[in-house]
Structure formats: structure tokens, C-alpha cells
Amino acid sequence: MMDEPHCVYVNLNKNYVKEHKLSVICGMKDCEDCIEAHKLLKEKSIDVKCACMQMNPVLVDETEKEYGHRTFPIIFVNGEFVGGYADLRKKFGCK
């Protein structure tokens, strides 16, 4: 049985994500794309953690300002900004 995504991080910022090379999905509990992104990263054996958007307003704000990304999920893999679920699928060559 696959682990269900749950909020692990609170008050993240992009510098912390980058410095610690975190793989993070910042989103909402019932967001289908957030859940699918979590499944895809688990399939790729990437240790991914979840960050609830309401508990990580700095990361949400920084991502919008720096990358122009305004939708959820917000995905970082190994500390690097990927984008949303469609961007994650592209990164891994999924159709």
C-alpha cells in the first residue's frame, strides 16, 4: 500500500528547500494533481514530503514572485523548482 501524502513541513522557504535539496509538494489535501504528483515521485523512488499551502505561505509567495507559478501543486525535486504536475510529468517523460 502506498503512503498517503500528509503535511510534514511548516514555514518552508525556497532557500531552505534548495540548501537541503528537498523534494517537496506544496499543495492542498484534496488536490488530485497533488496526490498524483506524490504517487509519481514515490514510483520514481524519490523521498518526497508534503507541505500544506496554508502552513507554508512564504514558500507559496516566493514561488509566485520568482517563478510566476500561481497554481498547485508547487513541486521541488532535490531542491530545484519543477513547477506543477504537468511539468513533473514532462520532467520524467510521462505522457
PDB file of N, CA and C in Angstrom:
ATOM      1  N   MET A   1       0.843  -1.180   0.000  1.00  0.00           N
ATOM      2  CA  MET A   1       0.000   0.000   0.000  1.00  0.00           C
ATOM      3  C   MET A   1       0.890   1.246   0.000  1.00  0.00           C
ATOM      4  N   MET A   2       0.545   2.208  -0.848  1.00  0.00           N
ATOM      5  CA  MET A   2       1.335   3.427  -0.969  1.00  0.00           C
ATOM      6  C   MET A   2       1.041   4.369   0.195  1.00  0.00           C
ATOM      7  N   ASP A   3       2.082   5.036   0.671  1.00  0.00           N
ATOM      8  CA  ASP A   3       1.893   6.023   1.721  1.00  0.00           C
ATOM      9  C   ASP A   3       0.996   7.141   1.220  1.00  0.00           C
ATOM     10  N   GLU A   4       0.090   7.576   2.061  1.00  0.00           N
ATOM     11  CA  GLU A   4      -0.745   8.723   1.725  1.00  0.00           C
ATOM     12  C   GLU A   4       0.042   9.988   2.010  1.00  0.00           C
ATOM     13  N   PRO A   5      -0.086  10.998   1.135  1.00  0.00           N
ATOM     14  CA  PRO A   5       0.602  12.256   1.402  1.00  0.00           C
ATOM     15  C   PRO A   5       0.030  12.926   2.640  1.00  0.00           C
ATOM     16  N   HIS A   6       0.897  13.492   3.429  1.00  0.00           N
ATOM     17  CA  HIS A   6       0.459  14.261   4.590  1.00  0.00           C
ATOM     18  C   HIS A   6       1.457  15.389   4.820  1.00  0.00           C
ATOM     19  N   CYS A   7       0.974  16.434   5.447  1.00  0.00           N
ATOM     20  CA  CYS A   7       1.788  17.629   5.648  1.00  0.00           C
ATOM     21  C   CYS A   7       2.920  17.352   6.636  1.00  0.00           C
ATOM     22  N   VAL A   8       4.138  17.586   6.193  1.00  0.00           N
ATOM     23  CA  VAL A   8       5.310  17.363   7.028  1.00  0.00           C
ATOM     24  C   VAL A   8       5.977  18.687   7.382  1.00  0.00           C
ATOM     25  N   TYR A   9       6.019  19.593   6.423  1.00  0.00           N
ATOM     26  CA  TYR A   9       6.750  20.843   6.624  1.00  0.00           C
ATOM     27  C   TYR A   9       5.820  22.008   6.915  1.00  0.00           C
ATOM     28  N   VAL A  10       6.317  22.900   7.758  1.00  0.00           N
ATOM     29  CA  VAL A  10       5.620  24.136   8.095  1.00  0.00           C
ATOM     30  C   VAL A  10       6.634  25.269   7.990  1.00  0.00           C
ATOM     31  N   ASN A  11       6.213  26.387   7.421  1.00  0.00           N
ATOM     32  CA  ASN A  11       7.051  27.590   7.299  1.00  0.00           C
ATOM     33  C   ASN A  11       8.312  27.377   6.465  1.00  0.00           C
ATOM     34  N   LEU A  12       8.189  26.671   5.361  1.00  0.00           N
ATOM     35  CA  LEU A  12       9.317  26.497   4.444  1.00  0.00           C
ATOM     36  C   LEU A  12       9.562  27.777   3.656  1.00  0.00           C
ATOM     37  N   ASN A  13      10.803  27.920   3.176  1.00  0.00           N
ATOM     38  CA  ASN A  13      11.108  28.950   2.188  1.00  0.00           C
ATOM     39  C   ASN A  13      12.008  28.310   1.137  1.00  0.00           C
ATOM     40  N   LYS A  14      12.103  28.959  -0.024  1.00  0.00           N
ATOM     41  CA  LYS A  14      12.819  28.330  -1.144  1.00  0.00           C
ATOM     42  C   LYS A  14      14.299  28.125  -0.857  1.00  0.00           C
ATOM     43  N   ASN A  15      14.912  28.990  -0.066  1.00  0.00           N
ATOM     44  CA  ASN A  15      16.334  28.810   0.258  1.00  0.00           C
ATOM     45  C   ASN A  15      16.557  27.542   1.080  1.00  0.00           C
ATOM     46  N   TYR A  16      15.681  27.278   2.031  1.00  0.00           N
ATOM     47  CA  TYR A  16      15.790  26.060   2.846  1.00  0.00           C
ATOM     48  C   TYR A  16      15.613  24.830   1.961  1.00  0.00           C
ATOM     49  N   VAL A  17      14.627  24.885   1.056  1.00  0.00           N
ATOM     50  CA  VAL A  17      14.378  23.760   0.141  1.00  0.00           C
ATOM     51  C   VAL A  17      15.623  23.498  -0.703  1.00  0.00           C
ATOM     52  N   LYS A  18      16.208  24.574  -1.233  1.00  0.00           N
ATOM     53  CA  LYS A  18      17.385  24.458  -2.089  1.00  0.00           C
ATOM     54  C   LYS A  18      18.603  23.950  -1.313  1.00  0.00           C
ATOM     55  N   GLU A  19      18.875  24.562  -0.163  1.00  0.00           N
ATOM     56  CA  GLU A  19      20.038  24.176   0.650  1.00  0.00           C
ATOM     57  C   GLU A  19      19.999  22.712   1.070  1.00  0.00           C
ATOM     58  N   HIS A  20      18.819  22.229   1.417  1.00  0.00           N
ATOM     59  CA  HIS A  20      18.675  20.860   1.919  1.00  0.00           C
ATOM     60  C   HIS A  20      18.282  19.867   0.823  1.00  0.00           C
ATOM     61  N   LYS A  21      18.237  20.365  -0.423  1.00  0.00           N
ATOM     62  CA  LYS A  21      17.907  19.531  -1.585  1.00  0.00           C
ATOM     63  C   LYS A  21      16.649  18.686  -1.340  1.00  0.00           C
ATOM     64  N   LEU A  22      15.610  19.372  -0.849  1.00  0.00           N
ATOM     65  CA  LEU A  22      14.368  18.687  -0.523  1.00  0.00           C
ATOM     66  C   LEU A  22      13.532  18.424  -1.766  1.00  0.00           C
ATOM     67  N   SER A  23      12.787  17.347  -1.728  1.00  0.00           N
ATOM     68  CA  SER A  23      11.749  17.081  -2.720  1.00  0.00           C
ATOM     69  C   SER A  23      10.430  17.308  -2.000  1.00  0.00           C
ATOM     70  N   VAL A  24       9.726  18.342  -2.440  1.00  0.00           N
ATOM     71  CA  VAL A  24       8.536  18.804  -1.723  1.00  0.00           C
ATOM     72  C   VAL A  24       7.398  19.051  -2.700  1.00  0.00           C
ATOM     73  N   ILE A  25       6.204  18.669  -2.284  1.00  0.00           N
ATOM     74  CA  ILE A  25       4.985  19.035  -2.986  1.00  0.00           C
ATOM     75  C   ILE A  25       4.210  19.942  -2.048  1.00  0.00           C
ATOM     76  N   CYS A  26       4.029  21.175  -2.444  1.00  0.00           N
ATOM     77  CA  CYS A  26       3.244  22.115  -1.648  1.00  0.00           C
ATOM     78  C   CYS A  26       1.884  22.230  -2.317  1.00  0.00           C
ATOM     79  N   GLY A  27       0.852  21.873  -1.571  1.00  0.00           N
ATOM     80  CA  GLY A  27      -0.479  21.894  -2.164  1.00  0.00           C
ATOM     81  C   GLY A  27      -1.572  21.790  -1.131  1.00  0.00           C
ATOM     82  N   MET A  28      -2.667  21.192  -1.573  1.00  0.00           N
ATOM     83  CA  MET A  28      -3.852  21.056  -0.741  1.00  0.00           C
ATOM     84  C   MET A  28      -4.205  19.581  -0.597  1.00  0.00           C
ATOM     85  N   LYS A  29      -4.753  19.234   0.522  1.00  0.00           N
ATOM     86  CA  LYS A  29      -5.040  17.838   0.855  1.00  0.00           C
ATOM     87  C   LYS A  29      -5.872  17.115  -0.200  1.00  0.00           C
ATOM     88  N   ASP A  30      -6.914  17.745  -0.719  1.00  0.00           N
ATOM     89  CA  ASP A  30      -7.821  17.079  -1.646  1.00  0.00           C
ATOM     90  C   ASP A  30      -7.534  17.391  -3.113  1.00  0.00           C
ATOM     91  N   CYS A  31      -6.370  17.946  -3.400  1.00  0.00           N
ATOM     92  CA  CYS A  31      -5.994  18.306  -4.763  1.00  0.00           C
ATOM     93  C   CYS A  31      -5.554  17.045  -5.515  1.00  0.00           C
ATOM     94  N   GLU A  32      -6.280  16.693  -6.569  1.00  0.00           N
ATOM     95  CA  GLU A  32      -5.979  15.474  -7.321  1.00  0.00           C
ATOM     96  C   GLU A  32      -4.574  15.505  -7.925  1.00  0.00           C
ATOM     97  N   ASP A  33      -4.160  16.653  -8.480  1.00  0.00           N
ATOM     98  CA  ASP A  33      -2.819  16.752  -9.054  1.00  0.00           C
ATOM     99  C   ASP A  33      -1.736  16.616  -7.988  1.00  0.00           C
ATOM    100  N   CYS A  34      -2.008  17.105  -6.785  1.00  0.00           N
ATOM    101  CA  CYS A  34      -1.048  16.963  -5.681  1.00  0.00           C
ATOM    102  C   CYS A  34      -0.872  15.487  -5.332  1.00  0.00           C
ATOM    103  N   ILE A  35      -1.978  14.772  -5.270  1.00  0.00           N
ATOM    104  CA  ILE A  35      -1.950  13.344  -4.944  1.00  0.00           C
ATOM    105  C   ILE A  35      -1.227  12.558  -6.042  1.00  0.00           C
ATOM    106  N   GLU A  36      -1.525  12.870  -7.304  1.00  0.00           N
ATOM    107  CA  GLU A  36      -0.882  12.177  -8.423  1.00  0.00           C
ATOM    108  C   GLU A  36       0.614  12.485  -8.477  1.00  0.00           C
ATOM    109  N   ALA A  37       1.000  13.717  -8.173  1.00  0.00           N
ATOM    110  CA  ALA A  37       2.422  14.081  -8.145  1.00  0.00           C
ATOM    111  C   ALA A  37       3.144  13.285  -7.063  1.00  0.00           C
ATOM    112  N   HIS A  38       2.509  13.140  -5.923  1.00  0.00           N
ATOM    113  CA  HIS A  38       3.080  12.363  -4.823  1.00  0.00           C
ATOM    114  C   HIS A  38       3.291  10.912  -5.261  1.00  0.00           C
ATOM    115  N   LYS A  39       2.300  10.336  -5.921  1.00  0.00           N
ATOM    116  CA  LYS A  39       2.409   8.953  -6.402  1.00  0.00           C
ATOM    117  C   LYS A  39       3.551   8.807  -7.405  1.00  0.00           C
ATOM    118  N   LEU A  40       3.646   9.750  -8.344  1.00  0.00           N
ATOM    119  CA  LEU A  40       4.689   9.680  -9.367  1.00  0.00           C
ATOM    120  C   LEU A  40       6.078   9.749  -8.752  1.00  0.00           C
ATOM    121  N   LEU A  41       6.288  10.646  -7.794  1.00  0.00           N
ATOM    122  CA  LEU A  41       7.600  10.757  -7.159  1.00  0.00           C
ATOM    123  C   LEU A  41       7.930   9.506  -6.352  1.00  0.00           C
ATOM    124  N   LYS A  42       6.930   8.925  -5.708  1.00  0.00           N
ATOM    125  CA  LYS A  42       7.152   7.672  -4.983  1.00  0.00           C
ATOM    126  C   LYS A  42       7.535   6.556  -5.957  1.00  0.00           C
ATOM    127  N   GLU A  43       6.868   6.504  -7.117  1.00  0.00           N
ATOM    128  CA  GLU A  43       7.194   5.498  -8.146  1.00  0.00           C
ATOM    129  C   GLU A  43       8.633   5.647  -8.625  1.00  0.00           C
ATOM    130  N   LYS A  44       9.115   6.876  -8.634  1.00  0.00           N
ATOM    131  CA  LYS A  44      10.488   7.159  -9.073  1.00  0.00           C
ATOM    132  C   LYS A  44      11.481   7.024  -7.910  1.00  0.00           C
ATOM    133  N   SER A  45      11.019   6.513  -6.781  1.00  0.00           N
ATOM    134  CA  SER A  45      11.838   6.302  -5.572  1.00  0.00           C
ATOM    135  C   SER A  45      12.451   7.599  -5.050  1.00  0.00           C
ATOM    136  N   ILE A  46      11.697   8.678  -5.180  1.00  0.00           N
ATOM    137  CA  ILE A  46      12.142   9.962  -4.642  1.00  0.00           C
ATOM    138  C   ILE A  46      11.441  10.174  -3.318  1.00  0.00           C
ATOM    139  N   ASP A  47      12.221  10.427  -2.288  1.00  0.00           N
ATOM    140  CA  ASP A  47      11.679  10.665  -0.953  1.00  0.00           C
ATOM    141  C   ASP A  47      11.040  12.041  -0.930  1.00  0.00           C
ATOM    142  N   VAL A  48       9.748  12.068  -1.123  1.00  0.00           N
ATOM    143  CA  VAL A  48       9.017  13.328  -1.222  1.00  0.00           C
ATOM    144  C   VAL A  48       8.248  13.595   0.063  1.00  0.00           C
ATOM    145  N   LYS A  49       8.232  14.847   0.447  1.00  0.00           N
ATOM    146  CA  LYS A  49       7.468  15.286   1.616  1.00  0.00           C
ATOM    147  C   LYS A  49       6.419  16.277   1.151  1.00  0.00           C
ATOM    148  N   CYS A  50       5.360  16.409   1.903  1.00  0.00           N
ATOM    149  CA  CYS A  50       4.292  17.327   1.548  1.00  0.00           C
ATOM    150  C   CYS A  50       4.289  18.533   2.470  1.00  0.00           C
ATOM    151  N   ALA A  51       3.872  19.642   1.900  1.00  0.00           N
ATOM    152  CA  ALA A  51       3.778  20.889   2.646  1.00  0.00           C
ATOM    153  C   ALA A  51       2.438  21.524   2.295  1.00  0.00           C
ATOM    154  N   CYS A  52       1.589  21.674   3.262  1.00  0.00           N
ATOM    155  CA  CYS A  52       0.274  22.271   3.063  1.00  0.00           C
ATOM    156  C   CYS A  52       0.439  23.753   2.725  1.00  0.00           C
ATOM    157  N   MET A  53      -0.260  24.200   1.696  1.00  0.00           N
ATOM    158  CA  MET A  53      -0.112  25.601   1.277  1.00  0.00           C
ATOM    159  C   MET A  53      -0.468  26.580   2.384  1.00  0.00           C
ATOM    160  N   GLN A  54      -1.465  26.264   3.210  1.00  0.00           N
ATOM    161  CA  GLN A  54      -1.871  27.170   4.276  1.00  0.00           C
ATOM    162  C   GLN A  54      -0.793  27.313   5.356  1.00  0.00           C
ATOM    163  N   MET A  55       0.061  26.314   5.501  1.00  0.00           N
ATOM    164  CA  MET A  55       1.075  26.348   6.547  1.00  0.00           C
ATOM    165  C   MET A  55       2.446  26.763   6.011  1.00  0.00           C
ATOM    166  N   ASN A  56       2.504  27.105   4.736  1.00  0.00           N
ATOM    167  CA  ASN A  56       3.770  27.494   4.110  1.00  0.00           C
ATOM    168  C   ASN A  56       3.588  28.722   3.218  1.00  0.00           C
ATOM    169  N   PRO A  57       3.041  29.804   3.768  1.00  0.00           N
ATOM    170  CA  PRO A  57       2.740  30.980   2.946  1.00  0.00           C
ATOM    171  C   PRO A  57       3.975  31.640   2.344  1.00  0.00           C
ATOM    172  N   VAL A  58       5.107  31.560   2.999  1.00  0.00           N
ATOM    173  CA  VAL A  58       6.329  32.178   2.464  1.00  0.00           C
ATOM    174  C   VAL A  58       6.759  31.459   1.187  1.00  0.00           C
ATOM    175  N   LEU A  59       6.762  30.128   1.212  1.00  0.00           N
ATOM    176  CA  LEU A  59       7.139  29.355   0.031  1.00  0.00           C
ATOM    177  C   LEU A  59       6.179  29.637  -1.125  1.00  0.00           C
ATOM    178  N   VAL A  60       4.892  29.698  -0.837  1.00  0.00           N
ATOM    179  CA  VAL A  60       3.889  29.981  -1.864  1.00  0.00           C
ATOM    180  C   VAL A  60       4.152  31.354  -2.472  1.00  0.00           C
ATOM    181  N   ASP A  61       4.378  32.353  -1.636  1.00  0.00           N
ATOM    182  CA  ASP A  61       4.628  33.723  -2.097  1.00  0.00           C
ATOM    183  C   ASP A  61       5.923  33.816  -2.904  1.00  0.00           C
ATOM    184  N   GLU A  62       6.995  33.221  -2.397  1.00  0.00           N
ATOM    185  CA  GLU A  62       8.292  33.261  -3.099  1.00  0.00           C
ATOM    186  C   GLU A  62       8.208  32.581  -4.463  1.00  0.00           C
ATOM    187  N   THR A  63       7.491  31.459  -4.533  1.00  0.00           N
ATOM    188  CA  THR A  63       7.371  30.719  -5.792  1.00  0.00           C
ATOM    189  C   THR A  63       6.608  31.543  -6.823  1.00  0.00           C
ATOM    190  N   GLU A  64       5.564  32.210  -6.378  1.00  0.00           N
ATOM    191  CA  GLU A  64       4.802  33.049  -7.301  1.00  0.00           C
ATOM    192  C   GLU A  64       5.653  34.215  -7.798  1.00  0.00           C
ATOM    193  N   LYS A  65       6.372  34.865  -6.887  1.00  0.00           N
ATOM    194  CA  LYS A  65       7.191  36.022  -7.262  1.00  0.00           C
ATOM    195  C   LYS A  65       8.372  35.631  -8.154  1.00  0.00           C
ATOM    196  N   GLU A  66       9.100  34.584  -7.807  1.00  0.00           N
ATOM    197  CA  GLU A  66      10.307  34.222  -8.548  1.00  0.00           C
ATOM    198  C   GLU A  66      10.026  33.475  -9.849  1.00  0.00           C
ATOM    199  N   TYR A  67       9.052  32.575  -9.830  1.00  0.00           N
ATOM    200  CA  TYR A  67       8.817  31.718 -10.994  1.00  0.00           C
ATOM    201  C   TYR A  67       7.510  32.019 -11.724  1.00  0.00           C
ATOM    202  N   GLY A  68       6.675  32.892 -11.152  1.00  0.00           N
ATOM    203  CA  GLY A  68       5.389  33.193 -11.762  1.00  0.00           C
ATOM    204  C   GLY A  68       4.408  32.034 -11.679  1.00  0.00           C
ATOM    205  N   HIS A  69       4.676  31.107 -10.785  1.00  0.00           N
ATOM    206  CA  HIS A  69       3.842  29.901 -10.637  1.00  0.00           C
ATOM    207  C   HIS A  69       2.740  30.195  -9.629  1.00  0.00           C
ATOM    208  N   ARG A  70       1.476  30.147 -10.105  1.00  0.00           N
ATOM    209  CA  ARG A  70       0.349  30.533  -9.253  1.00  0.00           C
ATOM    210  C   ARG A  70      -0.624  29.394  -8.967  1.00  0.00           C
ATOM    211  N   THR A  71      -0.329  28.201  -9.437  1.00  0.00           N
ATOM    212  CA  THR A  71      -1.257  27.083  -9.243  1.00  0.00           C
ATOM    213  C   THR A  71      -0.636  26.028  -8.323  1.00  0.00           C
ATOM    214  N   PHE A  72      -1.459  25.056  -7.957  1.00  0.00           N
ATOM    215  CA  PHE A  72      -0.984  23.973  -7.101  1.00  0.00           C
ATOM    216  C   PHE A  72      -1.125  22.661  -7.844  1.00  0.00           C
ATOM    217  N   PRO A  73      -0.195  21.758  -7.615  1.00  0.00           N
ATOM    218  CA  PRO A  73       0.865  21.802  -6.613  1.00  0.00           C
ATOM    219  C   PRO A  73       2.062  22.652  -7.059  1.00  0.00           C
ATOM    220  N   ILE A  74       2.858  23.001  -6.063  1.00  0.00           N
ATOM    221  CA  ILE A  74       4.176  23.602  -6.277  1.00  0.00           C
ATOM    222  C   ILE A  74       5.157  22.471  -5.986  1.00  0.00           C
ATOM    223  N   ILE A  75       5.980  22.118  -6.976  1.00  0.00           N
ATOM    224  CA  ILE A  75       6.836  20.946  -6.812  1.00  0.00           C
ATOM    225  C   ILE A  75       8.310  21.313  -6.933  1.00  0.00           C
ATOM    226  N   PHE A  76       9.082  20.839  -5.964  1.00  0.00           N
ATOM    227  CA  PHE A  76      10.541  20.931  -5.991  1.00  0.00           C
ATOM    228  C   PHE A  76      11.070  19.497  -5.931  1.00  0.00           C
ATOM    229  N   VAL A  77      12.078  19.199  -6.736  1.00  0.00           N
ATOM    230  CA  VAL A  77      12.726  17.888  -6.693  1.00  0.00           C
ATOM    231  C   VAL A  77      14.209  18.120  -6.452  1.00  0.00           C
ATOM    232  N   ASN A  78      14.692  17.529  -5.381  1.00  0.00           N
ATOM    233  CA  ASN A  78      16.103  17.697  -4.976  1.00  0.00           C
ATOM    234  C   ASN A  78      16.506  19.163  -4.894  1.00  0.00           C
ATOM    235  N   GLY A  79      15.601  19.979  -4.377  1.00  0.00           N
ATOM    236  CA  GLY A  79      15.886  21.395  -4.163  1.00  0.00           C
ATOM    237  C   GLY A  79      15.663  22.301  -5.350  1.00  0.00           C
ATOM    238  N   GLU A  80      15.346  21.731  -6.510  1.00  0.00           N
ATOM    239  CA  GLU A  80      15.145  22.526  -7.724  1.00  0.00           C
ATOM    240  C   GLU A  80      13.657  22.650  -8.042  1.00  0.00           C
ATOM    241  N   PHE A  81      13.222  23.854  -8.381  1.00  0.00           N
ATOM    242  CA  PHE A  81      11.831  24.089  -8.738  1.00  0.00           C
ATOM    243  C   PHE A  81      11.493  23.376 -10.048  1.00  0.00           C
ATOM    244  N   VAL A  82      10.400  22.613 -10.039  1.00  0.00           N
ATOM    245  CA  VAL A  82       9.940  21.905 -11.236  1.00  0.00           C
ATOM    246  C   VAL A  82       8.737  22.625 -11.843  1.00  0.00           C
ATOM    247  N   GLY A  83       7.788  23.002 -11.008  1.00  0.00           N
ATOM    248  CA  GLY A  83       6.545  23.618 -11.481  1.00  0.00           C
ATOM    249  C   GLY A  83       5.376  22.865 -10.897  1.00  0.00           C
ATOM    250  N   GLY A  84       4.393  22.554 -11.742  1.00  0.00           N
ATOM    251  CA  GLY A  84       3.214  21.810 -11.316  1.00  0.00           C
ATOM    252  C   GLY A  84       3.278  20.359 -11.759  1.00  0.00           C
ATOM    253  N   TYR A  85       2.138  19.683 -11.669  1.00  0.00           N
ATOM    254  CA  TYR A  85       2.082  18.255 -12.009  1.00  0.00           C
ATOM    255  C   TYR A  85       2.414  18.001 -13.478  1.00  0.00           C
ATOM    256  N   ALA A  86       1.891  18.825 -14.387  1.00  0.00           N
ATOM    257  CA  ALA A  86       2.192  18.638 -15.814  1.00  0.00           C
ATOM    258  C   ALA A  86       3.695  18.786 -16.064  1.00  0.00           C
ATOM    259  N   ASP A  87       4.329  19.729 -15.383  1.00  0.00           N
ATOM    260  CA  ASP A  87       5.775  19.929 -15.522  1.00  0.00           C
ATOM    261  C   ASP A  87       6.542  18.724 -14.982  1.00  0.00           C
ATOM    262  N   LEU A  88       6.049  18.155 -13.890  1.00  0.00           N
ATOM    263  CA  LEU A  88       6.684  16.975 -13.304  1.00  0.00           C
ATOM    264  C   LEU A  88       6.599  15.792 -14.265  1.00  0.00           C
ATOM    265  N   ARG A  89       5.436  15.605 -14.874  1.00  0.00           N
ATOM    266  CA  ARG A  89       5.267  14.517 -15.843  1.00  0.00           C
ATOM    267  C   ARG A  89       6.228  14.699 -17.014  1.00  0.00           C
ATOM    268  N   LYS A  90       6.364  15.931 -17.492  1.00  0.00           N
ATOM    269  CA  LYS A  90       7.307  16.221 -18.593  1.00  0.00           C
ATOM    270  C   LYS A  90       8.734  15.894 -18.182  1.00  0.00           C
ATOM    271  N   LYS A  91       9.083  16.279 -16.965  1.00  0.00           N
ATOM    272  CA  LYS A  91      10.455  16.050 -16.460  1.00  0.00           C
ATOM    273  C   LYS A  91      10.813  14.569 -16.523  1.00  0.00           C
ATOM    274  N   PHE A  92       9.851  13.705 -16.231  1.00  0.00           N
ATOM    275  CA  PHE A  92      10.095  12.272 -16.221  1.00  0.00           C
ATOM    276  C   PHE A  92       9.672  11.561 -17.505  1.00  0.00           C
ATOM    277  N   GLY A  93       9.309  12.334 -18.525  1.00  0.00           N
ATOM    278  CA  GLY A  93       8.952  11.750 -19.815  1.00  0.00           C
ATOM    279  C   GLY A  93       7.660  10.974 -19.819  1.00  0.00           C
ATOM    280  N   CYS A  94       6.740  11.345 -18.931  1.00  0.00           N
ATOM    281  CA  CYS A  94       5.436  10.670 -18.879  1.00  0.00           C
ATOM    282  C   CYS A  94       4.479  11.324 -19.876  1.00  0.00           C
ATOM    283  N   LYS A  95       3.598  10.542 -20.428  1.00  0.00           N
ATOM    284  CA  LYS A  95       2.601  11.081 -21.370  1.00  0.00           C
ATOM    285  C   LYS A  95       1.335  11.457 -20.674  1.00  0.00           C
TER     286      LYS A  95
END
